Each structure stands twice: as structure tokens, then as C-alpha cells.
Amino acid sequence: MLSRLQELRKEEKTLLQVEELALRSMISSREELVTVSSSAVAADEAQKALGQMDNEAAINQTELQLSIQEREEEEEEEEEEEEEELDS
């Protein structure tokens, strides 16, 4: 009778250990899922930020090109005016 009780206690202890391991595994899986989700969100935000930076760089480049073009046109007009004045 005593040995049967000991066996039952041993089985109960083993079952509790198995339950504990299962719970730890579930908790670990959820923590990993949260970490992966957080990483995915951070990566998405970083990609959006890079896209925004690319857009801003393209806008700045276009503004610079237009500015240079306007300056060149103004210089050409001034040169033409100077030539006309010298010809007159």
C-alpha cells in the first residue's frame, strides 16, 4: 500500500513537472511571438521612414535642378542683354 502511494506521488510530481514545462513553453512561444511582432512593426516603420527620406531627397534634388536651371536661364538672359547693349 505504501509503495502504491509513493508511485502515485511520483506520477503526480512527474505530471506537475510536465505541466510546468508545457506552460513555460507556451509562455516562451508567446514572448517570441511578441518579439517577432515588435520586430516586424519596427522594420515596417523603418521602411516607411526610408521611403519618406527617399521622397524628400527626390524633392530636394528636383528643387536644386530647377534652381540651377533658373539661374542658368537668368545668366543667359543677362549675357544676351549685355551683347545687345554692346551691339547698339
N, C-alpha and C. Protein backbone atom coordinates (compact mmCIF):
# COMPACT_ATOMS: atom_id res chain seq x y z
N MET A 1 0.83 -1.19 0.00
CA MET A 1 0.00 0.00 0.00
C MET A 1 0.87 1.25 0.00
N LEU A 2 1.89 1.24 0.82
CA LEU A 2 2.79 2.37 0.92
C LEU A 2 3.53 2.61 -0.40
N SER A 3 3.96 1.55 -1.02
CA SER A 3 4.66 1.71 -2.29
C SER A 3 3.73 2.25 -3.37
N ARG A 4 2.47 1.87 -3.33
CA ARG A 4 1.50 2.40 -4.31
C ARG A 4 1.33 3.91 -4.12
N LEU A 5 1.28 4.37 -2.88
CA LEU A 5 1.19 5.80 -2.58
C LEU A 5 2.44 6.52 -3.10
N GLN A 6 3.57 5.91 -2.91
CA GLN A 6 4.81 6.51 -3.38
C GLN A 6 4.81 6.61 -4.90
N GLU A 7 4.29 5.57 -5.56
CA GLU A 7 4.21 5.60 -7.02
C GLU A 7 3.29 6.72 -7.49
N LEU A 8 2.15 6.85 -6.81
CA LEU A 8 1.18 7.88 -7.18
C LEU A 8 1.78 9.28 -6.98
N ARG A 9 2.50 9.48 -5.89
CA ARG A 9 3.14 10.76 -5.65
C ARG A 9 4.19 11.05 -6.71
N LYS A 10 4.94 10.01 -7.07
CA LYS A 10 5.97 10.16 -8.09
C LYS A 10 5.32 10.54 -9.43
N GLU A 11 4.21 9.88 -9.77
CA GLU A 11 3.49 10.18 -11.01
C GLU A 11 2.94 11.61 -10.99
N GLU A 12 2.40 11.99 -9.83
CA GLU A 12 1.85 13.34 -9.68
C GLU A 12 2.96 14.39 -9.85
N LYS A 13 4.11 14.11 -9.26
CA LYS A 13 5.24 15.03 -9.38
C LYS A 13 5.68 15.13 -10.83
N THR A 14 5.75 13.99 -11.51
CA THR A 14 6.14 13.98 -12.92
C THR A 14 5.14 14.77 -13.76
N LEU A 15 3.85 14.55 -13.50
CA LEU A 15 2.80 15.27 -14.23
C LEU A 15 2.90 16.78 -13.99
N LEU A 16 3.17 17.17 -12.79
CA LEU A 16 3.32 18.59 -12.48
C LEU A 16 4.52 19.18 -13.20
N GLN A 17 5.58 18.42 -13.27
CA GLN A 17 6.77 18.90 -13.99
C GLN A 17 6.47 19.05 -15.48
N VAL A 18 5.72 18.08 -16.02
CA VAL A 18 5.35 18.15 -17.43
C VAL A 18 4.46 19.38 -17.67
N GLU A 19 3.49 19.60 -16.80
CA GLU A 19 2.62 20.77 -16.92
C GLU A 19 3.43 22.06 -16.84
N GLU A 20 4.37 22.10 -15.91
CA GLU A 20 5.21 23.29 -15.76
C GLU A 20 6.02 23.55 -17.03
N LEU A 21 6.61 22.49 -17.58
CA LEU A 21 7.38 22.64 -18.82
C LEU A 21 6.48 23.10 -19.97
N ALA A 22 5.27 22.55 -20.03
CA ALA A 22 4.34 22.95 -21.09
C ALA A 22 3.98 24.42 -20.95
N LEU A 23 3.71 24.86 -19.74
CA LEU A 23 3.37 26.27 -19.50
C LEU A 23 4.54 27.18 -19.84
N ARG A 24 5.74 26.77 -19.43
CA ARG A 24 6.92 27.58 -19.76
C ARG A 24 7.11 27.68 -21.28
N SER A 25 6.87 26.56 -21.94
CA SER A 25 6.99 26.55 -23.40
C SER A 25 5.98 27.49 -24.05
N MET A 26 4.74 27.46 -23.54
CA MET A 26 3.70 28.35 -24.08
C MET A 26 4.07 29.81 -23.85
N ILE A 27 4.54 30.10 -22.65
CA ILE A 27 4.93 31.47 -22.33
C ILE A 27 6.08 31.91 -23.21
N SER A 28 7.06 31.05 -23.38
CA SER A 28 8.20 31.37 -24.23
C SER A 28 7.76 31.62 -25.67
N SER A 29 6.87 30.79 -26.16
CA SER A 29 6.36 30.96 -27.54
C SER A 29 5.66 32.29 -27.69
N ARG A 30 4.86 32.65 -26.72
CA ARG A 30 4.15 33.94 -26.78
C ARG A 30 5.13 35.10 -26.73
N GLU A 31 6.15 34.98 -25.89
CA GLU A 31 7.15 36.04 -25.81
C GLU A 31 7.88 36.18 -27.13
N GLU A 32 8.21 35.05 -27.77
CA GLU A 32 8.87 35.10 -29.06
C GLU A 32 7.95 35.72 -30.11
N LEU A 33 6.67 35.38 -30.05
CA LEU A 33 5.71 35.93 -31.00
C LEU A 33 5.61 37.44 -30.83
N VAL A 34 5.59 37.90 -29.59
CA VAL A 34 5.53 39.33 -29.33
C VAL A 34 6.80 40.00 -29.85
N THR A 35 7.94 39.35 -29.61
CA THR A 35 9.21 39.91 -30.08
C THR A 35 9.24 39.98 -31.60
N VAL A 36 8.78 38.91 -32.25
CA VAL A 36 8.75 38.89 -33.71
C VAL A 36 7.79 39.96 -34.23
N SER A 37 6.64 40.08 -33.59
CA SER A 37 5.67 41.10 -34.00
C SER A 37 6.26 42.50 -33.83
N SER A 38 6.92 42.72 -32.72
CA SER A 38 7.54 44.01 -32.47
C SER A 38 8.62 44.30 -33.50
N SER A 39 9.39 43.28 -33.83
CA SER A 39 10.45 43.45 -34.83
C SER A 39 9.84 43.76 -36.20
N ALA A 40 8.75 43.09 -36.52
CA ALA A 40 8.10 43.33 -37.81
C ALA A 40 7.56 44.76 -37.88
N VAL A 41 6.97 45.21 -36.79
CA VAL A 41 6.45 46.58 -36.75
C VAL A 41 7.59 47.58 -36.88
N ALA A 42 8.68 47.33 -36.16
CA ALA A 42 9.83 48.23 -36.23
C ALA A 42 10.42 48.24 -37.64
N ALA A 43 10.50 47.08 -38.27
CA ALA A 43 11.03 47.01 -39.64
C ALA A 43 10.12 47.77 -40.61
N ASP A 44 8.81 47.63 -40.41
CA ASP A 44 7.86 48.33 -41.28
C ASP A 44 7.99 49.84 -41.10
N GLU A 45 8.12 50.28 -39.86
CA GLU A 45 8.28 51.71 -39.60
C GLU A 45 9.59 52.23 -40.19
N ALA A 46 10.64 51.43 -40.08
CA ALA A 46 11.93 51.83 -40.65
C ALA A 46 11.82 51.94 -42.17
N GLN A 47 11.11 51.00 -42.79
CA GLN A 47 10.94 51.03 -44.24
C GLN A 47 10.15 52.27 -44.65
N LYS A 48 9.12 52.59 -43.89
CA LYS A 48 8.34 53.80 -44.20
C LYS A 48 9.20 55.05 -44.06
N ALA A 49 10.03 55.07 -43.02
CA ALA A 49 10.90 56.23 -42.81
C ALA A 49 11.90 56.36 -43.96
N LEU A 50 12.44 55.23 -44.40
CA LEU A 50 13.38 55.27 -45.54
C LEU A 50 12.68 55.75 -46.80
N GLY A 51 11.44 55.28 -46.99
CA GLY A 51 10.67 55.73 -48.14
C GLY A 51 10.42 57.22 -48.09
N GLN A 52 10.11 57.72 -46.90
CA GLN A 52 9.89 59.15 -46.71
C GLN A 52 11.17 59.92 -47.00
N MET A 53 12.30 59.38 -46.54
CA MET A 53 13.58 60.05 -46.78
C MET A 53 13.90 60.06 -48.28
N ASP A 54 13.59 58.96 -48.97
CA ASP A 54 13.81 58.91 -50.42
C ASP A 54 12.96 59.96 -51.12
N ASN A 55 11.71 60.09 -50.68
CA ASN A 55 10.82 61.09 -51.28
C ASN A 55 11.35 62.50 -51.06
N GLU A 56 11.80 62.77 -49.85
CA GLU A 56 12.33 64.10 -49.54
C GLU A 56 13.60 64.37 -50.34
N ALA A 57 14.44 63.35 -50.49
CA ALA A 57 15.67 63.52 -51.27
C ALA A 57 15.33 63.82 -52.73
N ALA A 58 14.33 63.13 -53.26
CA ALA A 58 13.92 63.36 -54.65
C ALA A 58 13.37 64.78 -54.81
N ILE A 59 12.60 65.24 -53.85
CA ILE A 59 12.06 66.60 -53.90
C ILE A 59 13.19 67.62 -53.84
N ASN A 60 14.13 67.41 -52.93
CA ASN A 60 15.27 68.32 -52.81
C ASN A 60 16.09 68.35 -54.09
N GLN A 61 16.29 67.19 -54.70
CA GLN A 61 17.05 67.11 -55.94
C GLN A 61 16.33 67.88 -57.05
N THR A 62 15.02 67.72 -57.13
CA THR A 62 14.24 68.43 -58.16
C THR A 62 14.31 69.93 -57.94
N GLU A 63 14.16 70.36 -56.68
CA GLU A 63 14.24 71.79 -56.38
C GLU A 63 15.61 72.35 -56.75
N LEU A 64 16.65 71.58 -56.46
CA LEU A 64 18.00 72.01 -56.80
C LEU A 64 18.17 72.14 -58.31
N GLN A 65 17.69 71.17 -59.06
CA GLN A 65 17.79 71.21 -60.52
C GLN A 65 17.03 72.40 -61.09
N LEU A 66 15.84 72.66 -60.56
CA LEU A 66 15.06 73.81 -61.03
C LEU A 66 15.78 75.11 -60.70
N SER A 67 16.35 75.18 -59.52
CA SER A 67 17.07 76.38 -59.11
C SER A 67 18.26 76.63 -60.03
N ILE A 68 19.01 75.59 -60.33
CA ILE A 68 20.16 75.72 -61.23
C ILE A 68 19.71 76.14 -62.61
N GLN A 69 18.63 75.52 -63.07
CA GLN A 69 18.11 75.85 -64.40
C GLN A 69 17.68 77.31 -64.48
N GLU A 70 16.99 77.77 -63.45
CA GLU A 70 16.56 79.18 -63.42
C GLU A 70 17.76 80.10 -63.43
N ARG A 71 18.78 79.78 -62.64
CA ARG A 71 19.97 80.61 -62.56
C ARG A 71 20.68 80.66 -63.92
N GLU A 72 20.77 79.51 -64.58
CA GLU A 72 21.41 79.47 -65.89
C GLU A 72 20.63 80.31 -66.91
N GLU A 73 19.30 80.21 -66.86
CA GLU A 73 18.48 81.00 -67.77
C GLU A 73 18.65 82.50 -67.52
N GLU A 74 18.72 82.87 -66.25
CA GLU A 74 18.93 84.28 -65.91
C GLU A 74 20.29 84.76 -66.42
N GLU A 75 21.32 83.94 -66.25
CA GLU A 75 22.65 84.31 -66.73
C GLU A 75 22.66 84.46 -68.24
N GLU A 76 21.98 83.55 -68.94
CA GLU A 76 21.91 83.64 -70.40
C GLU A 76 21.20 84.92 -70.83
N GLU A 77 20.12 85.27 -70.15
CA GLU A 77 19.39 86.49 -70.47
C GLU A 77 20.27 87.72 -70.25
N GLU A 78 21.01 87.71 -69.13
CA GLU A 78 21.90 88.83 -68.84
C GLU A 78 22.99 88.95 -69.91
N GLU A 79 23.55 87.80 -70.32
CA GLU A 79 24.57 87.83 -71.36
C GLU A 79 24.00 88.36 -72.68
N GLU A 80 22.79 87.94 -73.01
CA GLU A 80 22.15 88.41 -74.24
C GLU A 80 21.91 89.92 -74.17
N GLU A 81 21.46 90.40 -73.01
CA GLU A 81 21.22 91.83 -72.83
C GLU A 81 22.53 92.61 -72.96
N GLU A 82 23.60 92.08 -72.38
CA GLU A 82 24.90 92.74 -72.47
C GLU A 82 25.38 92.78 -73.93
N GLU A 83 25.18 91.69 -74.65
CA GLU A 83 25.58 91.64 -76.04
C GLU A 83 24.78 92.65 -76.87
N GLU A 84 23.48 92.74 -76.57
CA GLU A 84 22.62 93.68 -77.29
C GLU A 84 23.07 95.11 -77.01
N GLU A 85 23.44 95.39 -75.74
CA GLU A 85 23.90 96.72 -75.39
C GLU A 85 25.21 97.05 -76.10
N LEU A 86 26.10 96.06 -76.20
CA LEU A 86 27.37 96.28 -76.87
C LEU A 86 27.17 96.46 -78.37
N ASP A 87 26.22 95.77 -78.95
CA ASP A 87 25.94 95.89 -80.37
C ASP A 87 25.28 97.23 -80.71
N SER A 88 24.62 97.82 -79.75
CA SER A 88 23.90 99.05 -80.01
C SER A 88 24.76 100.27 -80.00
